[in-house]
Amino acid sequence: MKSKGFALLLSLVLLSGCGGVPIGISFYVIDPVTMPAVANFDSRSVQILDLKLPQYLERFQIARREGSNRLTFSANHQWGENLRKNLYRTMTRNLAELLGTADVGTAINRSFATPDYVLRVSIEAFEQGSDGRVHLAARYQVSNGAGKLLTTKQFSSSVDRDSGDRYGAMVADLQALYAELSREIAVSLQQLEERHAG
């Protein structure tokens, strides 16, 4: 009886090794992308106040669309962390590089000074569609530090997905599209700055 209990305990320990992560799961993150600056915001500050995702993306399994109104989630291909937190951090770093300023923060890590620009982003699609294309659709709003709305814009872009490592390539495409969104936001901020200066 003792040997059976020991064997059971040993198998549980072995199964829980490596943090209890099943073998065969691949983990992904959206990383910042090196891009040339589109502005010099050295004396300006930006706060990303909010970044929203559809609820179906608020899970670790990566979503794909398989047809009209149908989603599938991969058990073997997952986000390495909460996707919303990952996108927050990546947007912060992308904008800091694109705007040429270190003063880009979130509600959690922003400086105490009132920001010059406040950004709200709502991601509406961030997955591969049933058409085989990888899609990113978003809305974003920019306000000044006093809360006055300055602009609201829509963003939508997609790329063809070809053969190869299906999920690895899909995440690389999503990362490129997210960098494209970051760049468009940076250009919008620069245009607002020029309008304000004029």
Protein backbone atom coordinates (compact mmCIF):
# COMPACT_ATOMS: atom_id res chain seq x y z
CA MET A 1 0.00 0.00 0.00
CA LYS A 2 2.86 2.36 0.86
CA SER A 3 4.57 1.66 -2.46
CA LYS A 4 1.37 2.56 -4.37
CA GLY A 5 1.06 5.81 -2.43
CA PHE A 6 4.70 6.64 -3.10
CA ALA A 7 4.32 5.89 -6.82
CA LEU A 8 1.24 8.14 -7.01
CA LEU A 9 3.05 10.93 -5.18
CA LEU A 10 6.09 10.58 -7.46
CA SER A 11 3.94 10.75 -10.60
CA LEU A 12 2.21 13.90 -9.32
CA VAL A 13 5.56 15.53 -8.63
CA LEU A 14 6.81 14.65 -12.11
CA LEU A 15 3.63 15.97 -13.71
CA SER A 16 3.90 19.23 -11.79
CA GLY A 17 7.56 19.72 -12.72
CA CYS A 18 8.51 22.74 -14.82
CA GLY A 19 5.68 24.73 -13.26
CA GLY A 20 3.02 22.24 -14.31
CA VAL A 21 3.28 23.23 -17.98
CA PRO A 22 2.23 20.37 -20.28
CA ILE A 23 4.82 19.30 -22.83
CA GLY A 24 4.21 20.57 -26.36
CA ILE A 25 2.78 24.00 -25.61
CA SER A 26 4.34 26.98 -27.41
CA PHE A 27 4.11 30.42 -25.82
CA TYR A 28 4.16 33.77 -27.65
CA VAL A 29 4.35 37.49 -26.90
CA ILE A 30 3.95 40.65 -28.97
CA ASP A 31 7.31 42.43 -28.79
CA PRO A 32 8.14 46.08 -29.52
CA VAL A 33 9.45 46.76 -33.03
CA THR A 34 12.38 49.03 -33.85
CA MET A 35 11.07 51.92 -35.97
CA PRO A 36 12.46 55.34 -36.92
CA ALA A 37 11.07 58.26 -34.92
CA VAL A 38 8.30 60.30 -36.53
CA ALA A 39 8.44 63.14 -33.98
CA ASN A 40 10.51 64.75 -31.25
CA PHE A 41 8.35 64.75 -28.12
CA ASP A 42 11.30 65.31 -25.80
CA SER A 43 9.36 67.90 -23.79
CA ARG A 44 5.94 66.21 -24.16
CA SER A 45 4.32 63.38 -22.22
CA VAL A 46 1.79 60.76 -23.27
CA GLN A 47 -0.37 58.56 -21.07
CA ILE A 48 -2.03 55.40 -22.39
CA LEU A 49 -5.05 55.60 -20.11
CA ASP A 50 -6.90 52.55 -21.38
CA LEU A 51 -6.45 49.64 -23.76
CA LYS A 52 -9.47 47.40 -24.26
CA LEU A 53 -9.79 43.97 -25.85
CA PRO A 54 -12.82 41.87 -26.77
CA GLN A 55 -13.56 39.39 -24.00
CA TYR A 56 -12.79 36.41 -26.25
CA LEU A 57 -9.17 37.60 -26.47
CA GLU A 58 -8.85 37.83 -22.67
CA ARG A 59 -7.61 34.27 -22.39
CA PHE A 60 -4.26 32.52 -22.84
CA GLN A 61 -5.26 30.29 -25.77
CA ILE A 62 -4.71 32.02 -29.13
CA ALA A 63 -7.93 32.64 -31.03
CA ARG A 64 -8.56 32.00 -34.72
CA ARG A 65 -11.72 32.36 -36.78
CA GLU A 66 -12.81 29.21 -38.57
CA GLY A 67 -15.97 30.52 -40.21
CA SER A 68 -18.90 32.84 -39.77
CA ASN A 69 -19.44 33.47 -36.04
CA ARG A 70 -17.08 30.62 -35.12
CA LEU A 71 -13.90 30.87 -33.04
CA THR A 72 -11.38 28.19 -32.15
CA PHE A 73 -8.78 28.37 -29.38
CA SER A 74 -5.52 26.47 -29.53
CA ALA A 75 -4.57 24.39 -26.50
CA ASN A 76 -0.97 24.08 -27.74
CA HIS A 77 -0.34 27.70 -28.79
CA GLN A 78 -0.85 30.26 -26.06
CA TRP A 79 0.07 33.79 -25.05
CA GLY A 80 2.99 33.89 -22.64
CA GLU A 81 1.20 36.40 -20.43
CA ASN A 82 -2.07 38.30 -20.23
CA LEU A 83 -2.46 39.71 -23.74
CA ARG A 84 -3.84 43.06 -22.59
CA LYS A 85 -0.84 43.66 -20.32
CA ASN A 86 1.52 42.58 -23.10
CA LEU A 87 -0.08 45.01 -25.59
CA TYR A 88 -0.01 47.84 -23.03
CA ARG A 89 3.71 47.42 -22.46
CA THR A 90 4.52 47.02 -26.15
CA MET A 91 2.49 50.09 -27.14
CA THR A 92 4.33 52.10 -24.48
CA ARG A 93 7.73 51.11 -25.84
CA ASN A 94 6.71 51.50 -29.49
CA LEU A 95 5.39 55.04 -28.89
CA ALA A 96 8.41 56.03 -26.79
CA GLU A 97 10.67 55.16 -29.73
CA LEU A 98 8.41 56.65 -32.40
CA LEU A 99 7.92 59.91 -30.48
CA GLY A 100 11.49 60.25 -29.27
CA THR A 101 10.52 60.53 -25.60
CA ALA A 102 10.83 58.36 -22.52
CA ASP A 103 7.74 60.00 -21.01
CA VAL A 104 5.15 57.54 -22.29
CA GLY A 105 3.37 55.70 -19.53
CA THR A 106 0.21 53.97 -18.39
CA ALA A 107 -2.18 54.64 -15.54
CA ILE A 108 0.06 52.41 -13.42
CA ASN A 109 3.54 53.78 -14.18
CA ARG A 110 2.96 57.32 -15.48
CA SER A 111 4.82 60.32 -14.11
CA PHE A 112 3.07 62.60 -11.60
CA ALA A 113 2.88 65.48 -14.06
CA THR A 114 -0.31 66.01 -16.03
CA PRO A 115 0.23 64.39 -19.46
CA ASP A 116 0.09 66.50 -22.60
CA TYR A 117 -1.81 63.77 -24.44
CA VAL A 118 -4.05 60.98 -23.14
CA LEU A 119 -4.64 57.94 -25.33
CA ARG A 120 -7.48 55.40 -25.23
CA VAL A 121 -7.23 52.36 -27.51
CA SER A 122 -9.93 49.77 -28.21
CA ILE A 123 -8.84 46.66 -30.10
CA GLU A 124 -11.78 45.21 -32.03
CA ALA A 125 -10.07 42.34 -33.91
CA PHE A 126 -6.65 40.78 -33.38
CA GLU A 127 -6.59 37.33 -34.96
CA GLN A 128 -6.42 35.31 -38.15
CA GLY A 129 -9.74 35.32 -39.96
CA SER A 130 -11.51 32.52 -41.79
CA ASP A 131 -10.26 34.12 -45.02
CA GLY A 132 -6.69 33.21 -44.03
CA ARG A 133 -5.71 36.85 -43.52
CA VAL A 134 -4.41 38.17 -40.19
CA HIS A 135 -6.47 41.16 -39.05
CA LEU A 136 -6.07 44.07 -36.66
CA ALA A 137 -8.92 46.53 -36.26
CA ALA A 138 -8.94 49.24 -33.60
CA ARG A 139 -10.32 52.61 -32.58
CA TYR A 140 -8.33 55.20 -30.68
CA GLN A 141 -9.03 58.55 -29.07
CA VAL A 142 -6.59 61.28 -28.09
CA SER A 143 -7.45 63.89 -25.45
CA ASN A 144 -5.38 66.63 -23.86
CA GLY A 145 -4.38 66.58 -20.21
CA ALA A 146 -7.54 68.49 -19.27
CA GLY A 147 -9.73 65.78 -20.80
CA LYS A 148 -10.75 67.62 -23.98
CA LEU A 149 -11.20 65.19 -26.88
CA LEU A 150 -8.83 66.10 -29.72
CA THR A 151 -9.36 63.30 -32.23
CA THR A 152 -11.00 59.90 -32.75
CA LYS A 153 -9.76 57.56 -35.46
CA GLN A 154 -10.31 54.07 -36.83
CA PHE A 155 -7.52 51.72 -37.85
CA SER A 156 -7.83 48.54 -39.89
CA SER A 157 -5.12 46.50 -41.59
CA SER A 158 -4.51 42.90 -42.57
CA VAL A 159 -1.89 40.71 -44.22
CA ASP A 160 -2.03 37.41 -46.12
CA ARG A 161 -0.96 34.38 -44.14
CA ASP A 162 1.02 31.83 -46.11
CA SER A 163 2.45 28.42 -45.24
CA GLY A 164 5.01 27.62 -42.57
CA ASP A 165 4.77 27.68 -38.77
CA ARG A 166 1.12 28.64 -38.69
CA TYR A 167 0.94 30.14 -35.21
CA GLY A 168 4.48 31.51 -35.06
CA ALA A 169 4.01 33.30 -38.39
CA MET A 170 0.54 34.49 -37.38
CA VAL A 171 1.92 36.08 -34.19
CA ALA A 172 4.73 37.71 -36.22
CA ASP A 173 2.07 39.20 -38.51
CA LEU A 174 0.05 40.42 -35.52
CA GLN A 175 3.19 42.04 -34.11
CA ALA A 176 3.84 43.82 -37.41
CA LEU A 177 0.23 45.06 -37.58
CA TYR A 178 0.43 46.28 -33.98
CA ALA A 179 3.60 48.20 -34.83
CA GLU A 180 1.71 49.71 -37.78
CA LEU A 181 -1.07 50.84 -35.40
CA SER A 182 1.54 52.31 -33.03
CA ARG A 183 3.07 54.27 -35.91
CA GLU A 184 -0.29 55.65 -37.02
CA ILE A 185 -1.02 56.81 -33.46
CA ALA A 186 2.41 58.47 -33.27
CA VAL A 187 1.79 60.28 -36.56
CA SER A 188 -1.62 61.45 -35.27
CA LEU A 189 0.02 62.81 -32.13
CA GLN A 190 2.63 64.63 -34.21
CA GLN A 191 -0.10 66.17 -36.37
CA LEU A 192 -1.93 67.36 -33.25
CA GLU A 193 1.30 68.86 -31.95
CA GLU A 194 1.89 70.72 -35.21
CA ARG A 195 -1.69 72.02 -35.19
CA HIS A 196 -1.26 73.18 -31.59
CA ALA A 197 2.06 74.89 -32.44
CA GLY A 198 0.51 76.60 -35.44
